[in-house]
Amino acid sequence: MAQQHGENLKQAMDTLRAHKLRSALTVFGVVLGVSVIMLVAAIITGFDAQVQDNIKQFGADTGFISRFEQGPHAGGRRPKDERERKPLTLEDAQAIQQLCPAVKNVTVFLTWWEQDHKVRTKSGEVTSIDYRGVQPNFGQVYANASVLDGRFISEGDDLHHEKVVLLGENASPVLFPEGAPVGKDVMIDGTPFRVVGVVEKPKGMFGGDDQDKRVLIPYSTFHKIYPGAYENQIRFQAYANQLDTAVDQVTEVLRRRRNVPYNGRNNFSINTSQQEIEQFHSILGMVALATIVLSGIGLLIGGVGVMNIMLVSVTERTREIGIRKAIGAKSGDITWQFLLEAMTLTGAGGVIALVLVNGLVILVRVGLKWPGSVPIWAAATGIIVSVGIGLIFGVWPAMKAAKLDPVEALRYE
């Protein structure tokens, strides 16, 4: 039996080689459908790796508290009930630190969006900066606030309202092309500051902030310069494997402090890294569904093409089939010959798709430093699906060939 299948496979390969152009046109739909599956799998894998890396940058056990709901808003304008919510306060953060046993550390930073801030020196200027007043423990809670040069803001800086500043890694060379910024002065919105350090650029962006333009000064100094600033943002760090417990405790404390009724909706939001991952995976689910639909269309087109070509092949080879039956070939042999021919044709399409997609992914990975790759499961699925298409759509032509009457087939011209 194995020898017979081997002979059938050899005959199938000979037939495909004899009709190269027809085989190539037939397999195009299969190549398209399988390529979509593999390419989207590679994209999803790459993005997922980036998200996981970004989670590590920001800390896997951290949560972000805001008075606004997280997520997009139509026209950029928030609902009235959100706009009327009272701001978070420094006292809220202190209460969280004192009353939430699962919380390891809490930090507050202050922003002021009423103007477009800029920082400049004699050598350069950076506008639209990410300007924040931060506490000394900001670098402990934010895993992506490592200091490249100099030091971080100290307790003394914050206590005495010192005019010191940390510059983002990409902002520093613009302001100090000659290098060595620590100890030198910059002007931020017309106020002089002494540079005490440079903050390392994070490896990934998570949440959309332009971290290249970070400019950090002490919390108390920021509040003194901008007394109208009220938009406190709170970030907390939970003990290992206690993030969910910490969220529950923080929610309870803030509901009490912000006088939320028993059955009332929270007038604040807590967003964790795990929630970001879940939201991302829900988006991936929709992308995967769209992929199935698109690849299904391509595979259907390819399958119908294979079936039509195989029916034409049966007609062209009617006399050959009659001769094979006359010398003893059974109907099963004829069936397997055409099934293997169809499966070989579509399987070749799967291999072509694998080579093309892998080549494209390698080029993108090298050119853009992107961590994507075609997963083994996607490659295996693509090959299996392509062979399966040949099996499914090759059944009818194979059965038609097997049912031919040998006498009538021999008379066919």
Protein backbone atom coordinates (compact mmCIF):
# COMPACT_ATOMS: atom_id res chain seq x y z
CA MET A 1 0.00 0.00 0.00
CA ALA A 2 2.80 2.41 0.92
CA GLN A 3 4.58 1.60 -2.35
CA GLN A 4 1.37 2.26 -4.28
CA HIS A 5 0.90 5.64 -2.56
CA GLY A 6 4.51 6.45 -3.35
CA GLU A 7 3.91 5.73 -7.04
CA ASN A 8 0.73 7.84 -6.95
CA LEU A 9 2.63 10.71 -5.37
CA LYS A 10 5.36 10.47 -8.03
CA GLN A 11 2.73 10.56 -10.77
CA ALA A 12 1.10 13.56 -9.09
CA MET A 13 4.43 15.44 -9.02
CA ASP A 14 5.08 14.59 -12.67
CA THR A 15 1.66 15.96 -13.63
CA LEU A 16 2.24 19.22 -11.72
CA ARG A 17 5.65 19.67 -13.34
CA ALA A 18 4.10 19.14 -16.75
CA HIS A 19 1.58 21.94 -16.14
CA LYS A 20 3.67 24.52 -14.27
CA LEU A 21 1.74 27.65 -15.28
CA ARG A 22 -1.65 26.11 -14.64
CA SER A 23 -0.50 24.78 -11.27
CA ALA A 24 0.91 28.19 -10.28
CA LEU A 25 -2.32 30.02 -11.15
CA THR A 26 -4.38 27.40 -9.35
CA VAL A 27 -2.37 27.59 -6.14
CA PHE A 28 -2.44 31.41 -5.92
CA GLY A 29 -5.59 31.49 -3.77
CA VAL A 30 -4.12 28.96 -1.36
CA VAL A 31 -0.89 30.96 -1.10
CA LEU A 32 -2.91 34.10 -0.37
CA GLY A 33 -5.09 32.51 2.30
CA VAL A 34 -2.25 30.72 4.10
CA SER A 35 -0.02 33.81 3.89
CA VAL A 36 -2.66 35.90 5.67
CA ILE A 37 -2.83 33.36 8.50
CA MET A 38 0.92 33.25 8.98
CA LEU A 39 1.50 36.98 8.54
CA VAL A 40 -1.16 37.99 11.06
CA ALA A 41 0.13 35.37 13.51
CA ALA A 42 3.61 36.89 13.17
CA ILE A 43 2.25 40.41 13.68
CA ILE A 44 0.26 39.36 16.74
CA THR A 45 3.29 37.57 18.19
CA GLY A 46 5.47 40.64 17.65
CA PHE A 47 3.00 43.06 19.18
CA ASP A 48 2.41 40.75 22.13
CA ALA A 49 6.17 40.60 22.77
CA GLN A 50 6.32 44.41 22.68
CA VAL A 51 3.40 44.72 25.10
CA GLN A 52 5.01 42.27 27.51
CA ASP A 53 8.25 44.25 27.30
CA ASN A 54 6.40 47.49 27.97
CA ILE A 55 4.68 45.94 30.98
CA LYS A 56 8.12 45.13 32.38
CA GLN A 57 9.20 48.71 31.73
CA PHE A 58 6.30 50.15 33.72
CA GLY A 59 6.14 47.45 36.36
CA ALA A 60 3.89 44.40 36.31
CA ASP A 61 2.53 45.02 39.84
CA THR A 62 1.52 48.65 39.44
CA GLY A 63 -1.77 50.51 39.06
CA PHE A 64 -2.57 53.99 37.80
CA ILE A 65 -5.30 56.11 39.41
CA SER A 66 -7.02 59.00 37.63
CA ARG A 67 -10.19 60.95 38.19
CA PHE A 68 -11.04 60.28 34.52
CA GLU A 69 -12.03 57.02 32.89
CA GLN A 70 -9.30 55.47 30.77
CA GLY A 71 -9.91 55.02 27.05
CA PRO A 72 -10.91 57.02 23.96
CA HIS A 73 -13.63 59.67 24.07
CA ALA A 74 -15.68 60.91 21.15
CA GLY A 75 -14.37 64.22 19.85
CA GLY A 76 -11.83 64.28 22.68
CA ARG A 77 -14.44 65.67 25.09
CA ARG A 78 -15.31 63.80 28.26
CA PRO A 79 -18.83 63.44 29.66
CA LYS A 80 -20.01 66.17 32.00
CA ASP A 81 -20.03 63.93 35.07
CA GLU A 82 -16.34 63.13 34.53
CA ARG A 83 -15.37 66.76 34.02
CA GLU A 84 -17.10 67.67 37.30
CA ARG A 85 -15.29 65.08 39.38
CA LYS A 86 -13.06 66.53 42.08
CA PRO A 87 -9.32 66.08 41.53
CA LEU A 88 -7.24 63.50 43.33
CA THR A 89 -5.12 64.91 46.13
CA LEU A 90 -1.80 64.28 47.81
CA GLU A 91 -3.77 63.31 50.91
CA ASP A 92 -5.53 60.58 48.87
CA ALA A 93 -2.14 59.06 48.07
CA GLN A 94 -1.03 59.27 51.70
CA ALA A 95 -4.24 57.54 52.83
CA ILE A 96 -3.65 54.74 50.31
CA GLN A 97 -0.13 54.23 51.64
CA GLN A 98 -1.34 54.09 55.24
CA LEU A 99 -4.58 52.08 54.87
CA CYS A 100 -3.80 49.53 52.12
CA PRO A 101 -1.59 46.69 53.42
CA ALA A 102 -1.17 45.19 49.93
CA VAL A 103 0.30 48.46 48.60
CA LYS A 104 4.09 48.62 48.80
CA ASN A 105 4.62 52.15 47.53
CA VAL A 106 2.62 55.14 46.28
CA THR A 107 3.79 58.12 44.29
CA VAL A 108 2.06 61.26 43.03
CA PHE A 109 2.97 63.44 40.10
CA LEU A 110 1.53 66.78 39.13
CA THR A 111 0.88 68.13 35.63
CA TRP A 112 -0.35 71.42 34.22
CA TRP A 113 -1.91 71.25 30.76
CA GLU A 114 -3.03 74.88 30.55
CA GLN A 115 0.00 75.82 28.44
CA ASP A 116 2.51 74.30 26.05
CA HIS A 117 5.63 73.96 28.18
CA LYS A 118 9.10 74.31 26.72
CA VAL A 119 12.64 73.95 27.98
CA ARG A 120 15.59 75.73 26.39
CA THR A 121 19.27 76.55 26.64
CA LYS A 122 21.54 78.68 24.48
CA SER A 123 22.15 75.63 22.32
CA GLY A 124 18.63 74.34 21.75
CA GLU A 125 14.97 74.15 22.68
CA VAL A 126 12.44 71.36 23.22
CA THR A 127 8.71 72.14 23.09
CA SER A 128 5.61 70.13 24.03
CA ILE A 129 7.55 68.48 26.83
CA ASP A 130 6.15 65.88 29.20
CA TYR A 131 6.49 68.21 32.20
CA ARG A 132 5.80 66.75 35.63
CA GLY A 133 6.33 67.53 39.28
CA VAL A 134 7.32 64.22 40.87
CA GLN A 135 8.07 62.86 44.30
CA PRO A 136 11.45 61.34 45.21
CA ASN A 137 10.01 57.80 45.06
CA PHE A 138 8.79 58.26 41.48
CA GLY A 139 11.72 56.23 40.19
CA GLN A 140 10.91 53.35 42.54
CA VAL A 141 7.29 52.99 41.42
CA TYR A 142 7.98 53.63 37.73
CA ALA A 143 10.29 50.88 36.53
CA ASN A 144 11.15 52.99 33.46
CA ALA A 145 12.65 55.96 35.31
CA SER A 146 16.24 54.79 35.64
CA VAL A 147 18.87 57.51 35.86
CA LEU A 148 21.55 57.41 33.17
CA ASP A 149 23.67 60.24 34.52
CA GLY A 150 23.64 62.18 37.79
CA ARG A 151 21.00 61.47 40.43
CA PHE A 152 17.26 61.45 40.98
CA ILE A 153 15.26 64.08 42.86
CA SER A 154 15.91 63.78 46.60
CA GLU A 155 13.79 64.30 49.71
CA GLY A 156 15.73 67.50 50.37
CA ASP A 157 14.95 68.82 46.88
CA ASP A 158 11.25 68.28 47.46
CA LEU A 159 11.28 69.60 51.04
CA HIS A 160 13.08 72.85 50.15
CA HIS A 161 11.35 73.46 46.78
CA GLU A 162 14.68 73.25 44.98
CA LYS A 163 14.78 74.24 41.32
CA VAL A 164 16.43 71.08 40.02
CA VAL A 165 15.45 69.06 36.99
CA LEU A 166 15.92 65.66 35.33
CA LEU A 167 15.91 65.60 31.53
CA GLY A 168 14.76 62.77 29.28
CA GLU A 169 17.47 60.91 27.40
CA ASN A 170 16.43 62.33 24.02
CA ALA A 171 15.79 65.87 25.27
CA SER A 172 19.26 66.17 26.81
CA PRO A 173 21.33 66.10 23.57
CA VAL A 174 19.09 68.74 21.98
CA LEU A 175 19.66 71.11 24.88
CA PHE A 176 23.31 70.18 25.41
CA PRO A 177 24.83 69.03 22.12
CA GLU A 178 28.27 69.12 23.71
CA GLY A 179 27.16 66.62 26.37
CA ALA A 180 27.67 66.61 30.16
CA PRO A 181 24.38 68.33 31.11
CA VAL A 182 24.58 67.60 34.86
CA GLY A 183 25.28 70.75 36.82
CA LYS A 184 24.28 73.09 34.01
CA ASP A 185 21.24 75.37 33.83
CA VAL A 186 18.13 75.27 31.66
CA MET A 187 15.11 77.56 31.39
CA ILE A 188 11.67 76.00 31.74
CA ASP A 189 8.87 78.44 30.87
CA GLY A 190 11.23 81.27 31.83
CA THR A 191 12.28 79.79 35.19
CA PRO A 192 15.93 78.69 35.65
CA PHE A 193 16.64 75.13 36.82
CA ARG A 194 19.84 73.21 37.55
CA VAL A 195 20.15 69.80 35.83
CA VAL A 196 20.84 67.02 38.34
CA GLY A 197 20.33 63.98 36.14
CA VAL A 198 19.27 62.38 32.85
CA VAL A 199 16.47 59.80 32.78
CA GLU A 200 16.96 56.77 30.56
CA LYS A 201 14.67 56.42 27.57
CA PRO A 202 12.40 53.38 28.08
CA LYS A 203 12.74 50.54 25.59
CA GLY A 204 9.06 50.66 24.72
CA MET A 205 6.11 53.04 24.77
CA PHE A 206 3.10 51.95 26.78
CA GLY A 207 0.07 54.19 27.07
CA GLY A 208 1.06 56.56 24.27
CA ASP A 209 3.08 59.12 26.27
CA ASP A 210 6.10 60.67 24.59
CA GLN A 211 8.65 59.57 27.18
CA ASP A 212 11.52 60.98 25.07
CA LYS A 213 10.57 64.49 26.20
CA ARG A 214 10.26 63.88 29.90
CA VAL A 215 11.22 66.81 32.13
CA LEU A 216 10.89 66.08 35.84
CA ILE A 217 11.16 68.55 38.73
CA PRO A 218 10.32 68.19 42.47
CA TYR A 219 6.61 67.95 43.28
CA SER A 220 6.66 70.85 45.73
CA THR A 221 8.58 73.06 43.30
CA PHE A 222 6.07 72.40 40.55
CA HIS A 223 3.20 73.24 42.90
CA LYS A 224 4.92 76.49 43.96
CA ILE A 225 5.52 77.64 40.36
CA TYR A 226 2.07 76.57 39.18
CA PRO A 227 -0.24 77.10 42.19
CA GLY A 228 -3.26 76.49 39.96
CA ALA A 229 -2.07 72.99 39.04
CA TYR A 230 -4.44 70.43 40.48
CA GLU A 231 -4.29 67.42 38.14
CA ASN A 232 -2.65 64.93 40.46
CA GLN A 233 -2.00 61.48 39.08
CA ILE A 234 -1.39 58.62 41.49
CA ARG A 235 0.49 55.44 40.77
CA PHE A 236 0.85 52.64 43.30
CA GLN A 237 3.02 49.55 43.46
CA ALA A 238 1.60 46.39 45.01
CA TYR A 239 3.55 43.66 46.71
CA ALA A 240 4.35 40.68 44.48
CA ASN A 241 1.22 38.76 43.38
CA GLN A 242 -1.08 41.08 45.37
CA LEU A 243 -2.15 43.52 42.66
CA ASP A 244 -5.81 42.45 42.65
CA THR A 245 -5.98 42.74 46.45
CA ALA A 246 -4.31 46.14 46.29
CA VAL A 247 -6.85 47.36 43.71
CA ASP A 248 -9.72 46.28 45.98
CA GLN A 249 -8.17 48.04 48.99
CA VAL A 250 -7.42 51.22 47.04
CA THR A 251 -10.95 51.26 45.64
CA GLU A 252 -12.45 50.98 49.11
CA VAL A 253 -10.27 53.78 50.52
CA LEU A 254 -10.99 56.17 47.65
CA ARG A 255 -14.72 55.47 47.67
CA ARG A 256 -14.83 56.47 51.34
CA ARG A 257 -12.66 59.54 50.87
CA ARG A 258 -14.57 60.71 47.79
CA ASN A 259 -18.00 60.06 49.36
CA VAL A 260 -19.21 57.56 46.77
CA PRO A 261 -22.65 56.15 47.76
CA TYR A 262 -22.93 52.42 48.54
CA ASN A 263 -24.43 51.56 45.16
CA GLY A 264 -22.86 54.52 43.38
CA ARG A 265 -20.44 54.44 40.49
CA ASN A 266 -16.79 55.19 41.22
CA ASN A 267 -15.84 58.80 40.51
CA PHE A 268 -12.28 57.72 39.68
CA SER A 269 -10.63 54.97 37.66
CA ILE A 270 -7.91 52.45 38.41
CA ASN A 271 -6.05 51.02 35.46
CA THR A 272 -3.53 48.20 35.86
CA SER A 273 -1.00 46.65 33.54
CA GLN A 274 -3.01 43.42 33.58
CA GLN A 275 -6.09 45.29 32.36
CA GLU A 276 -4.03 46.75 29.54
CA ILE A 277 -2.99 43.24 28.53
CA GLU A 278 -6.60 42.03 28.63
CA GLN A 279 -7.74 44.96 26.49
CA PHE A 280 -4.94 44.26 24.04
CA HIS A 281 -5.85 40.58 23.85
CA SER A 282 -9.50 41.45 23.19
CA ILE A 283 -8.31 43.54 20.23
CA LEU A 284 -6.19 40.62 19.09
CA GLY A 285 -9.28 38.42 19.25
CA MET A 286 -11.10 40.71 16.82
CA VAL A 287 -8.05 40.79 14.55
CA ALA A 288 -7.90 36.99 14.64
CA LEU A 289 -11.59 36.77 13.70
CA ALA A 290 -11.07 39.13 10.76
CA THR A 291 -8.04 37.04 9.76
CA ILE A 292 -10.11 33.86 9.70
CA VAL A 293 -12.68 35.52 7.45
CA LEU A 294 -10.09 36.95 5.04
CA SER A 295 -8.00 33.81 4.86
CA GLY A 296 -11.16 31.73 4.51
CA ILE A 297 -12.11 33.71 1.39
CA GLY A 298 -8.67 33.19 -0.09
CA LEU A 299 -8.70 29.49 0.72
CA LEU A 300 -12.20 29.08 -0.72
CA ILE A 301 -11.08 30.73 -3.96
CA GLY A 302 -8.02 28.51 -4.02
CA GLY A 303 -10.06 25.39 -3.28
CA VAL A 304 -12.57 26.09 -6.03
CA GLY A 305 -9.70 26.72 -8.41
CA VAL A 306 -8.09 23.42 -7.47
CA MET A 307 -11.37 21.57 -7.97
CA ASN A 308 -11.93 23.10 -11.41
CA ILE A 309 -8.39 22.36 -12.56
CA MET A 310 -8.63 18.79 -11.28
CA LEU A 311 -11.93 18.30 -13.15
CA VAL A 312 -10.23 19.56 -16.30
CA SER A 313 -7.34 17.22 -15.60
CA VAL A 314 -9.74 14.26 -15.27
CA THR A 315 -11.26 15.09 -18.63
CA GLU A 316 -7.85 15.50 -20.30
CA ARG A 317 -6.61 12.21 -18.87
CA THR A 318 -9.70 10.09 -19.46
CA ARG A 319 -7.88 7.76 -21.86
CA GLU A 320 -4.95 7.44 -19.39
CA ILE A 321 -7.41 6.46 -16.66
CA GLY A 322 -8.98 3.85 -18.99
CA ILE A 323 -5.57 2.34 -19.73
CA ARG A 324 -4.68 2.16 -16.03
CA LYS A 325 -7.96 0.44 -15.21
CA ALA A 326 -7.55 -1.96 -18.13
CA ILE A 327 -4.17 -3.16 -16.81
CA GLY A 328 -5.50 -3.73 -13.31
CA ALA A 329 -5.62 -0.41 -11.45
CA LYS A 330 -8.44 -0.32 -8.90
CA SER A 331 -10.86 2.56 -8.30
CA GLY A 332 -9.09 3.27 -5.00
CA ASP A 333 -5.78 3.67 -6.82
CA ILE A 334 -7.29 6.20 -9.21
CA THR A 335 -8.95 8.05 -6.31
CA TRP A 336 -5.70 8.32 -4.36
CA GLN A 337 -3.77 9.39 -7.45
CA PHE A 338 -5.97 12.45 -7.95
CA LEU A 339 -6.33 13.19 -4.24
CA LEU A 340 -2.56 13.16 -3.80
CA GLU A 341 -2.21 15.36 -6.86
CA ALA A 342 -4.63 17.92 -5.38
CA MET A 343 -3.02 17.73 -1.93
CA THR A 344 0.46 18.09 -3.40
CA LEU A 345 -0.67 21.13 -5.37
CA THR A 346 -2.18 22.92 -2.36
CA GLY A 347 0.58 21.72 -0.01
CA ALA A 348 3.11 23.33 -2.35
CA GLY A 349 1.08 26.54 -1.99
CA GLY A 350 1.43 26.30 1.78
CA VAL A 351 5.20 25.87 1.54
CA ILE A 352 5.47 28.84 -0.84
CA ALA A 353 3.42 30.96 1.60
CA LEU A 354 5.67 29.93 4.50
CA VAL A 355 8.83 30.91 2.60
CA LEU A 356 7.38 34.25 1.44
CA VAL A 357 6.03 35.27 4.87
CA ASN A 358 9.20 34.24 6.69
CA GLY A 359 11.28 36.28 4.25
CA LEU A 360 9.05 39.32 4.73
CA VAL A 361 9.09 39.00 8.52
CA ILE A 362 12.88 38.70 8.60
CA LEU A 363 13.24 41.87 6.51
CA VAL A 364 10.87 43.80 8.79
CA ARG A 365 12.52 42.45 11.94
CA VAL A 366 15.98 43.49 10.77
CA GLY A 367 14.89 46.85 9.36
CA LEU A 368 12.62 47.98 12.20
CA LYS A 369 14.10 46.05 15.16
CA TRP A 370 10.70 44.40 15.56
CA PRO A 371 10.52 41.16 17.58
CA GLY A 372 7.96 39.39 15.36
CA SER A 373 8.37 35.89 13.92
CA VAL A 374 6.14 33.23 12.42
CA PRO A 375 5.17 30.93 15.32
CA ILE A 376 5.68 27.20 14.82
CA TRP A 377 1.97 26.60 15.42
CA ALA A 378 1.06 29.09 12.68
CA ALA A 379 3.47 27.49 10.21
CA ALA A 380 2.17 24.00 11.02
CA THR A 381 -1.45 25.18 10.83
CA GLY A 382 -0.82 26.84 7.47
CA ILE A 383 0.70 23.69 5.97
CA ILE A 384 -2.02 21.42 7.40
CA VAL A 385 -4.80 23.74 6.19
CA SER A 386 -3.29 23.98 2.72
CA VAL A 387 -3.03 20.19 2.41
CA GLY A 388 -6.56 19.87 3.84
CA ILE A 389 -7.92 22.20 1.15
CA GLY A 390 -6.52 19.86 -1.50
CA LEU A 391 -8.05 16.88 0.23
CA ILE A 392 -11.49 18.46 0.57
CA PHE A 393 -11.75 20.02 -2.88
CA GLY A 394 -10.05 17.11 -4.58
CA VAL A 395 -12.63 14.53 -3.49
CA TRP A 396 -15.17 15.20 -6.24
CA PRO A 397 -12.66 15.13 -9.16
CA ALA A 398 -11.01 12.03 -7.68
CA MET A 399 -14.33 10.20 -7.31
CA LYS A 400 -15.34 11.23 -10.83
CA ALA A 401 -12.09 9.79 -12.19
CA ALA A 402 -12.50 6.58 -10.18
CA LYS A 403 -16.05 6.00 -11.48
CA LEU A 404 -15.10 6.22 -15.17
CA ASP A 405 -15.95 3.08 -17.17
CA PRO A 406 -12.66 1.69 -18.56
CA VAL A 407 -14.22 0.73 -21.91
CA GLU A 408 -15.74 4.18 -22.43
CA ALA A 409 -12.55 5.82 -21.19
CA LEU A 410 -10.43 3.92 -23.74
CA ARG A 411 -12.70 5.13 -26.56
CA TYR A 412 -12.28 8.77 -25.45
CA GLU A 413 -10.35 10.97 -27.92
